[in-house]
Amino acid sequence: MLEINNLHKSFGSKEVLKGINLKVNKGDIIGIIGPSGCGKSTLLRCINLLELPSEGNIIFDGNDIIHEKDKLAVRKNIGMVFQQFNLFNHLTVIDNIVLAPVMNKLMIKKEAEEKAIQLLKDINLEDVINNYPNQISGGQKQRVAIVRALMMNPKIMLFDEPTSALDPEMIGEVTNLMKKLVKDGMTMLIVSHELNFIKNFCNRVIFMDDGIIVEEGSSKEIFNNPKDERLKSFLDKINNK
């Protein structure tokens, strides 16, 4: 489904990604862990073409998307959910959700609104349809952001710290929605510092450090039987906090 080959990304003289190789199969739930600044979020942004890689290939559904001129077509299939929600505060929940598909002429407004309302009803958020972002909770904002991404019918979803900006009681609201997506067969890549969440939610985990993938394996292998000393040290530091 998705294959990343020798991916590099530099910002000026600073090389952030130093040769990433990764294969993602349909239905994979992949957790990406590692210390701050190791390139996790940059990797997601490159996959979504929010950042243009400096070198390498990203093969999605058989096509190298790095040189794709129509970035919208790529982002339609590769949804992304950000840590800080990125909702427009001057728009209501429903207007936030329908904005992209209507502006990009993927749906007429009535069609988009009908789909948005149904998606919100599915997660018990129909009561906030006409609210503004400052009138709803953090957990509700993140679920709205996920619904907004789902409006484009993506084949894969990228989550950048989806729960770290939330109070503990709100995390369950978001993870329940993500579990529903898993049951529906959605493929996911999830960057998170919440290791218990990654351990219990993901079927595969990759550990990044200093711009490379140091170790990858099943969740059980990574957390219960780490092999690389950098991964062992990282887990020890987190567990001893």
C-alpha atoms as a PDB file:
ATOM      1  CA  MET A   1       0.000   0.000   0.000  1.00  0.00           C
ATOM      2  CA  LEU A   2       2.752   2.440   1.033  1.00  0.00           C
ATOM      3  CA  GLU A   3       6.481   1.993   0.551  1.00  0.00           C
ATOM      4  CA  ILE A   4       9.113   4.503   1.631  1.00  0.00           C
ATOM      5  CA  ASN A   5      12.596   4.133   0.194  1.00  0.00           C
ATOM      6  CA  ASN A   6      15.730   5.994   1.333  1.00  0.00           C
ATOM      7  CA  LEU A   7      13.745   9.059   2.411  1.00  0.00           C
ATOM      8  CA  HIS A   8      15.771  12.137   3.366  1.00  0.00           C
ATOM      9  CA  LYS A   9      14.603  15.552   4.490  1.00  0.00           C
ATOM     10  CA  SER A  10      16.776  18.549   5.269  1.00  0.00           C
ATOM     11  CA  PHE A  11      15.895  22.018   6.516  1.00  0.00           C
ATOM     12  CA  GLY A  12      18.795  24.151   5.361  1.00  0.00           C
ATOM     13  CA  SER A  13      21.958  22.458   6.617  1.00  0.00           C
ATOM     14  CA  LYS A  14      20.103  20.341   9.181  1.00  0.00           C
ATOM     15  CA  GLU A  15      19.277  16.828   8.003  1.00  0.00           C
ATOM     16  CA  VAL A  16      16.214  15.606   9.913  1.00  0.00           C
ATOM     17  CA  LEU A  17      15.467  12.361   8.051  1.00  0.00           C
ATOM     18  CA  LYS A  18      18.546  10.371   7.089  1.00  0.00           C
ATOM     19  CA  GLY A  19      17.339   7.482   4.957  1.00  0.00           C
ATOM     20  CA  ILE A  20      13.964   6.089   6.059  1.00  0.00           C
ATOM     21  CA  ASN A  21      12.808   2.750   4.669  1.00  0.00           C
ATOM     22  CA  LEU A  22       9.352   1.491   5.610  1.00  0.00           C
ATOM     23  CA  LYS A  23       6.627  -0.711   4.148  1.00  0.00           C
ATOM     24  CA  VAL A  24       3.015  -0.251   5.232  1.00  0.00           C
ATOM     25  CA  ASN A  25       0.436  -2.908   4.413  1.00  0.00           C
ATOM     26  CA  LYS A  26      -3.303  -2.356   4.206  1.00  0.00           C
ATOM     27  CA  GLY A  27      -4.796  -2.596   7.689  1.00  0.00           C
ATOM     28  CA  ASP A  28      -1.519  -1.945   9.525  1.00  0.00           C
ATOM     29  CA  ILE A  29      -1.738   0.108  12.711  1.00  0.00           C
ATOM     30  CA  ILE A  30       1.816   1.395  13.093  1.00  0.00           C
ATOM     31  CA  GLY A  31       3.014   3.323  16.120  1.00  0.00           C
ATOM     32  CA  ILE A  32       6.027   5.607  15.715  1.00  0.00           C
ATOM     33  CA  ILE A  33       7.979   6.296  18.910  1.00  0.00           C
ATOM     34  CA  GLY A  34      11.262   7.969  19.750  1.00  0.00           C
ATOM     35  CA  PRO A  35      12.786  10.991  21.494  1.00  0.00           C
ATOM     36  CA  SER A  36      11.677  14.525  20.660  1.00  0.00           C
ATOM     37  CA  GLY A  37      13.373  15.890  17.560  1.00  0.00           C
ATOM     38  CA  CYS A  38      14.149  12.493  16.030  1.00  0.00           C
ATOM     39  CA  GLY A  39      12.049  13.167  12.910  1.00  0.00           C
ATOM     40  CA  LYS A  40       8.745  11.419  13.687  1.00  0.00           C
ATOM     41  CA  SER A  41       6.443  14.319  12.790  1.00  0.00           C
ATOM     42  CA  THR A  42       8.583  15.264   9.799  1.00  0.00           C
ATOM     43  CA  LEU A  43       8.149  11.728   8.464  1.00  0.00           C
ATOM     44  CA  LEU A  44       4.349  12.051   8.632  1.00  0.00           C
ATOM     45  CA  ARG A  45       4.443  15.475   7.001  1.00  0.00           C
ATOM     46  CA  CYS A  46       6.560  14.097   4.157  1.00  0.00           C
ATOM     47  CA  ILE A  47       4.154  11.193   3.578  1.00  0.00           C
ATOM     48  CA  ASN A  48       1.306  13.711   3.314  1.00  0.00           C
ATOM     49  CA  LEU A  49       3.492  16.024   1.156  1.00  0.00           C
ATOM     50  CA  LEU A  50       3.118  18.892   3.609  1.00  0.00           C
ATOM     51  CA  GLU A  51       6.902  18.786   3.446  1.00  0.00           C
ATOM     52  CA  LEU A  52       8.666  17.889   0.202  1.00  0.00           C
ATOM     53  CA  PRO A  53      11.380  15.260   0.797  1.00  0.00           C
ATOM     54  CA  SER A  54      14.928  16.112  -0.228  1.00  0.00           C
ATOM     55  CA  GLU A  55      15.645  12.649  -1.572  1.00  0.00           C
ATOM     56  CA  GLY A  56      14.045   9.214  -1.873  1.00  0.00           C
ATOM     57  CA  ASN A  57      10.721   7.752  -2.945  1.00  0.00           C
ATOM     58  CA  ILE A  58       7.255   7.431  -1.446  1.00  0.00           C
ATOM     59  CA  ILE A  59       5.307   4.808  -3.375  1.00  0.00           C
ATOM     60  CA  PHE A  60       1.569   4.920  -2.657  1.00  0.00           C
ATOM     61  CA  ASP A  61      -0.740   2.553  -4.519  1.00  0.00           C
ATOM     62  CA  GLY A  62       2.023   1.936  -7.040  1.00  0.00           C
ATOM     63  CA  ASN A  63       2.805   5.607  -7.769  1.00  0.00           C
ATOM     64  CA  ASP A  64       5.741   7.722  -6.619  1.00  0.00           C
ATOM     65  CA  ILE A  65       3.816  10.608  -5.069  1.00  0.00           C
ATOM     66  CA  ILE A  66       6.815  12.861  -4.380  1.00  0.00           C
ATOM     67  CA  HIS A  67       6.690  14.150  -7.945  1.00  0.00           C
ATOM     68  CA  GLU A  68       2.900  14.277  -8.055  1.00  0.00           C
ATOM     69  CA  LYS A  69       1.790  17.727  -9.217  1.00  0.00           C
ATOM     70  CA  ASP A  70      -1.718  17.386  -7.804  1.00  0.00           C
ATOM     71  CA  LYS A  71      -0.972  17.451  -4.059  1.00  0.00           C
ATOM     72  CA  LEU A  72      -4.703  17.564  -3.279  1.00  0.00           C
ATOM     73  CA  ALA A  73      -5.209  14.175  -4.931  1.00  0.00           C
ATOM     74  CA  VAL A  74      -2.536  12.760  -2.627  1.00  0.00           C
ATOM     75  CA  ARG A  75      -3.972  14.343   0.514  1.00  0.00           C
ATOM     76  CA  LYS A  76      -7.450  13.127  -0.380  1.00  0.00           C
ATOM     77  CA  ASN A  77      -6.172   9.569   0.048  1.00  0.00           C
ATOM     78  CA  ILE A  78      -3.755  10.238   2.928  1.00  0.00           C
ATOM     79  CA  GLY A  79      -5.593  12.013   5.742  1.00  0.00           C
ATOM     80  CA  MET A  80      -3.754  13.749   8.563  1.00  0.00           C
ATOM     81  CA  VAL A  81      -4.859  14.678  12.084  1.00  0.00           C
ATOM     82  CA  PHE A  82      -2.747  17.172  14.017  1.00  0.00           C
ATOM     83  CA  GLN A  83      -1.954  17.508  17.701  1.00  0.00           C
ATOM     84  CA  GLN A  84      -3.531  20.967  17.990  1.00  0.00           C
ATOM     85  CA  PHE A  85      -6.683  20.134  15.975  1.00  0.00           C
ATOM     86  CA  ASN A  86      -6.157  23.006  13.466  1.00  0.00           C
ATOM     87  CA  LEU A  87      -9.839  23.908  13.368  1.00  0.00           C
ATOM     88  CA  PHE A  88     -10.893  27.342  12.131  1.00  0.00           C
ATOM     89  CA  ASN A  89     -12.226  29.224  15.166  1.00  0.00           C
ATOM     90  CA  HIS A  90     -14.485  31.502  13.083  1.00  0.00           C
ATOM     91  CA  LEU A  91     -16.332  28.540  11.534  1.00  0.00           C
ATOM     92  CA  THR A  92     -18.880  26.233  13.138  1.00  0.00           C
ATOM     93  CA  VAL A  93     -18.175  22.518  13.500  1.00  0.00           C
ATOM     94  CA  ILE A  94     -20.176  21.648  10.389  1.00  0.00           C
ATOM     95  CA  ASP A  95     -18.524  24.402   8.334  1.00  0.00           C
ATOM     96  CA  ASN A  96     -15.060  23.241   9.426  1.00  0.00           C
ATOM     97  CA  ILE A  97     -15.863  19.735   8.259  1.00  0.00           C
ATOM     98  CA  VAL A  98     -17.377  20.554   4.846  1.00  0.00           C
ATOM     99  CA  LEU A  99     -14.931  23.320   3.891  1.00  0.00           C
ATOM    100  CA  ALA A 100     -12.257  21.224   2.153  1.00  0.00           C
ATOM    101  CA  PRO A 101     -14.466  18.873   0.096  1.00  0.00           C
ATOM    102  CA  VAL A 102     -16.671  21.774  -1.047  1.00  0.00           C
ATOM    103  CA  MET A 103     -13.811  24.180  -1.860  1.00  0.00           C
ATOM    104  CA  ASN A 104     -12.025  21.463  -3.785  1.00  0.00           C
ATOM    105  CA  LYS A 105     -15.239  20.573  -5.623  1.00  0.00           C
ATOM    106  CA  LEU A 106     -15.295  16.991  -4.415  1.00  0.00           C
ATOM    107  CA  MET A 107     -18.872  17.415  -3.175  1.00  0.00           C
ATOM    108  CA  ILE A 108     -21.616  19.981  -3.383  1.00  0.00           C
ATOM    109  CA  LYS A 109     -22.371  21.656  -0.050  1.00  0.00           C
ATOM    110  CA  LYS A 110     -25.647  19.807   0.584  1.00  0.00           C
ATOM    111  CA  GLU A 111     -24.016  16.432  -0.045  1.00  0.00           C
ATOM    112  CA  ALA A 112     -21.055  17.322   2.197  1.00  0.00           C
ATOM    113  CA  GLU A 113     -23.325  18.505   5.001  1.00  0.00           C
ATOM    114  CA  GLU A 114     -25.391  15.320   4.874  1.00  0.00           C
ATOM    115  CA  LYS A 115     -22.268  13.171   5.096  1.00  0.00           C
ATOM    116  CA  ALA A 116     -20.784  15.324   7.891  1.00  0.00           C
ATOM    117  CA  ILE A 117     -23.983  15.131   9.948  1.00  0.00           C
ATOM    118  CA  GLN A 118     -24.077  11.355   9.596  1.00  0.00           C
ATOM    119  CA  LEU A 119     -20.435  11.013  10.661  1.00  0.00           C
ATOM    120  CA  LEU A 120     -21.049  13.260  13.671  1.00  0.00           C
ATOM    121  CA  LYS A 121     -24.145  11.270  14.617  1.00  0.00           C
ATOM    122  CA  ASP A 122     -22.090   8.070  14.450  1.00  0.00           C
ATOM    123  CA  ILE A 123     -19.868   9.401  17.261  1.00  0.00           C
ATOM    124  CA  ASN A 124     -22.601  11.164  19.251  1.00  0.00           C
ATOM    125  CA  LEU A 125     -21.542  14.698  18.309  1.00  0.00           C
ATOM    126  CA  GLU A 126     -24.715  15.811  16.534  1.00  0.00           C
ATOM    127  CA  ASP A 127     -25.423  18.209  19.422  1.00  0.00           C
ATOM    128  CA  VAL A 128     -22.362  20.370  18.603  1.00  0.00           C
ATOM    129  CA  ILE A 129     -22.913  20.659  14.844  1.00  0.00           C
ATOM    130  CA  ASN A 130     -23.555  24.420  15.017  1.00  0.00           C
ATOM    131  CA  ASN A 131     -21.107  25.175  17.821  1.00  0.00           C
ATOM    132  CA  TYR A 132     -17.816  26.994  17.315  1.00  0.00           C
ATOM    133  CA  PRO A 133     -14.529  25.319  18.322  1.00  0.00           C
ATOM    134  CA  ASN A 134     -14.218  27.485  21.463  1.00  0.00           C
ATOM    135  CA  GLN A 135     -17.577  26.086  22.616  1.00  0.00           C
ATOM    136  CA  ILE A 136     -16.549  22.415  22.645  1.00  0.00           C
ATOM    137  CA  SER A 137     -14.056  20.340  24.638  1.00  0.00           C
ATOM    138  CA  GLY A 138     -10.606  19.240  23.527  1.00  0.00           C
ATOM    139  CA  GLY A 139     -11.778  15.676  23.026  1.00  0.00           C
ATOM    140  CA  GLN A 140     -14.658  16.892  20.889  1.00  0.00           C
ATOM    141  CA  LYS A 141     -12.322  19.110  18.853  1.00  0.00           C
ATOM    142  CA  GLN A 142     -10.022  16.185  18.102  1.00  0.00           C
ATOM    143  CA  ARG A 143     -12.941  13.972  17.079  1.00  0.00           C
ATOM    144  CA  VAL A 144     -14.196  16.760  14.802  1.00  0.00           C
ATOM    145  CA  ALA A 145     -10.697  16.987  13.292  1.00  0.00           C
ATOM    146  CA  ILE A 146     -10.761  13.231  12.629  1.00  0.00           C
ATOM    147  CA  VAL A 147     -14.209  13.492  11.006  1.00  0.00           C
ATOM    148  CA  ARG A 148     -12.905  16.349   8.849  1.00  0.00           C
ATOM    149  CA  ALA A 149     -10.115  14.078   7.585  1.00  0.00           C
ATOM    150  CA  LEU A 150     -12.569  11.220   6.994  1.00  0.00           C
ATOM    151  CA  MET A 151     -14.688  13.452   4.746  1.00  0.00           C
ATOM    152  CA  MET A 152     -12.083  12.983   2.024  1.00  0.00           C
ATOM    153  CA  ASN A 153     -12.469   9.156   2.158  1.00  0.00           C
ATOM    154  CA  PRO A 154      -8.760   8.545   2.822  1.00  0.00           C
ATOM    155  CA  LYS A 155      -7.155   5.134   2.397  1.00  0.00           C
ATOM    156  CA  ILE A 156      -4.676   5.802   5.191  1.00  0.00           C
ATOM    157  CA  MET A 157      -4.710   8.104   8.231  1.00  0.00           C
ATOM    158  CA  LEU A 158      -1.724   9.826   9.822  1.00  0.00           C
ATOM    159  CA  PHE A 159      -2.029  10.922  13.455  1.00  0.00           C
ATOM    160  CA  ASP A 160       0.526  13.305  14.974  1.00  0.00           C
ATOM    161  CA  GLU A 161       0.224  13.109  18.787  1.00  0.00           C
ATOM    162  CA  PRO A 162      -3.575  12.696  18.667  1.00  0.00           C
ATOM    163  CA  THR A 163      -4.032  12.527  22.452  1.00  0.00           C
ATOM    164  CA  SER A 164      -1.198  14.563  23.977  1.00  0.00           C
ATOM    165  CA  ALA A 165      -3.104  17.873  24.012  1.00  0.00           C
ATOM    166  CA  LEU A 166      -6.055  16.306  25.849  1.00  0.00           C
ATOM    167  CA  ASP A 167      -7.004  15.918  29.479  1.00  0.00           C
ATOM    168  CA  PRO A 168      -6.945  12.264  30.599  1.00  0.00           C
ATOM    169  CA  GLU A 169     -10.731  11.941  30.654  1.00  0.00           C
ATOM    170  CA  MET A 170     -10.926  13.158  27.048  1.00  0.00           C
ATOM    171  CA  ILE A 171      -8.395  10.662  25.705  1.00  0.00           C
ATOM    172  CA  GLY A 172     -10.961   7.855  25.834  1.00  0.00           C
ATOM    173  CA  GLU A 173     -13.309   9.789  23.541  1.00  0.00           C
ATOM    174  CA  VAL A 174     -10.652   9.976  20.835  1.00  0.00           C
ATOM    175  CA  THR A 175      -9.292   6.452  21.233  1.00  0.00           C
ATOM    176  CA  ASN A 176     -12.817   5.028  20.989  1.00  0.00           C
ATOM    177  CA  LEU A 177     -13.245   6.725  17.618  1.00  0.00           C
ATOM    178  CA  MET A 178      -9.838   5.458  16.485  1.00  0.00           C
ATOM    179  CA  LYS A 179     -10.820   1.923  17.557  1.00  0.00           C
ATOM    180  CA  LYS A 180     -13.939   2.231  15.412  1.00  0.00           C
ATOM    181  CA  LEU A 181     -11.763   3.165  12.432  1.00  0.00           C
ATOM    182  CA  VAL A 182      -9.588   0.100  13.073  1.00  0.00           C
ATOM    183  CA  LYS A 183     -12.678  -2.117  13.015  1.00  0.00           C
ATOM    184  CA  ASP A 184     -13.617  -0.514   9.694  1.00  0.00           C
ATOM    185  CA  GLY A 185     -10.212  -1.518   8.290  1.00  0.00           C
ATOM    186  CA  MET A 186      -8.467   1.857   8.264  1.00  0.00           C
ATOM    187  CA  THR A 187      -4.674   1.832   7.904  1.00  0.00           C
ATOM    188  CA  MET A 188      -2.941   4.149  10.383  1.00  0.00           C
ATOM    189  CA  LEU A 189       0.437   5.613  11.253  1.00  0.00           C
ATOM    190  CA  ILE A 190       0.456   7.151  14.720  1.00  0.00           C
ATOM    191  CA  VAL A 191       3.168   9.313  16.291  1.00  0.00           C
ATOM    192  CA  SER A 192       2.794   9.446  20.053  1.00  0.00           C
ATOM    193  CA  HIS A 193       4.718   9.861  23.287  1.00  0.00           C
ATOM    194  CA  GLU A 194       1.938   7.936  25.056  1.00  0.00           C
ATOM    195  CA  LEU A 195       3.710   4.578  25.085  1.00  0.00           C
ATOM    196  CA  ASN A 196       0.936   2.647  26.811  1.00  0.00           C
ATOM    197  CA  PHE A 197      -1.439   3.817  24.112  1.00  0.00           C
ATOM    198  CA  ILE A 198       0.972   2.694  21.364  1.00  0.00           C
ATOM    199  CA  LYS A 199       1.661  -0.618  23.117  1.00  0.00           C
ATOM    200  CA  ASN A 200      -2.007  -1.512  23.449  1.00  0.00           C
ATOM    201  CA  PHE A 201      -3.346   0.006  20.224  1.00  0.00           C
ATOM    202  CA  CYS A 202      -0.795  -0.720  17.475  1.00  0.00           C
ATOM    203  CA  ASN A 203       0.107  -4.027  15.863  1.00  0.00           C
ATOM    204  CA  ARG A 204       3.479  -2.747  14.638  1.00  0.00           C
ATOM    205  CA  VAL A 205       5.870  -0.229  16.187  1.00  0.00           C
ATOM    206  CA  ILE A 206       8.904   1.567  14.826  1.00  0.00           C
ATOM    207  CA  PHE A 207      11.470   3.306  17.000  1.00  0.00           C
ATOM    208  CA  MET A 208      13.198   6.325  15.503  1.00  0.00           C
ATOM    209  CA  ASP A 209      16.296   8.112  16.712  1.00  0.00           C
ATOM    210  CA  ASP A 210      18.391  10.788  15.033  1.00  0.00           C
ATOM    211  CA  GLY A 211      16.499  10.644  11.746  1.00  0.00           C
ATOM    212  CA  ILE A 212      16.555   6.897  11.144  1.00  0.00           C
ATOM    213  CA  ILE A 213      14.465   3.843  12.020  1.00  0.00           C
ATOM    214  CA  VAL A 214      16.552   2.044  14.609  1.00  0.00           C
ATOM    215  CA  GLU A 215      14.266  -0.893  15.298  1.00  0.00           C
ATOM    216  CA  GLU A 216      10.858  -2.140  14.205  1.00  0.00           C
ATOM    217  CA  GLY A 217       8.667  -5.087  15.044  1.00  0.00           C
ATOM    218  CA  SER A 218       5.434  -6.116  16.656  1.00  0.00           C
ATOM    219  CA  SER A 219       4.254  -4.142  19.661  1.00  0.00           C
ATOM    220  CA  LYS A 220       5.128  -7.102  21.891  1.00  0.00           C
ATOM    221  CA  GLU A 221       8.642  -7.382  20.458  1.00  0.00           C
ATOM    222  CA  ILE A 222       9.429  -3.681  20.777  1.00  0.00           C
ATOM    223  CA  PHE A 223       8.174  -3.227  24.325  1.00  0.00           C
ATOM    224  CA  ASN A 224       8.935  -6.636  25.851  1.00  0.00           C
ATOM    225  CA  ASN A 225      12.097  -7.660  24.036  1.00  0.00           C
ATOM    226  CA  PRO A 226      13.928  -4.576  22.673  1.00  0.00           C
ATOM    227  CA  LYS A 227      17.227  -5.372  20.974  1.00  0.00           C
ATOM    228  CA  ASP A 228      18.911  -2.052  20.205  1.00  0.00           C
ATOM    229  CA  GLU A 229      20.602  -0.302  23.124  1.00  0.00           C
ATOM    230  CA  ARG A 230      19.110   3.061  22.132  1.00  0.00           C
ATOM    231  CA  LEU A 231      15.606   1.616  22.317  1.00  0.00           C
ATOM    232  CA  LYS A 232      16.352  -0.045  25.661  1.00  0.00           C
ATOM    233  CA  SER A 233      17.637   3.268  27.028  1.00  0.00           C
ATOM    234  CA  PHE A 234      14.633   5.168  25.690  1.00  0.00           C
ATOM    235  CA  LEU A 235      12.161   2.751  27.289  1.00  0.00           C
ATOM    236  CA  ASP A 236      14.080   2.757  30.572  1.00  0.00           C
ATOM    237  CA  LYS A 237      13.972   6.550  30.761  1.00  0.00           C
ATOM    238  CA  ILE A 238      10.238   6.626  30.060  1.00  0.00           C
ATOM    239  CA  ASN A 239       9.470   3.838  32.528  1.00  0.00           C
ATOM    240  CA  ASN A 240      11.518   5.456  35.286  1.00  0.00           C
ATOM    241  CA  LYS A 241       9.903   8.867  34.994  1.00  0.00           C
END
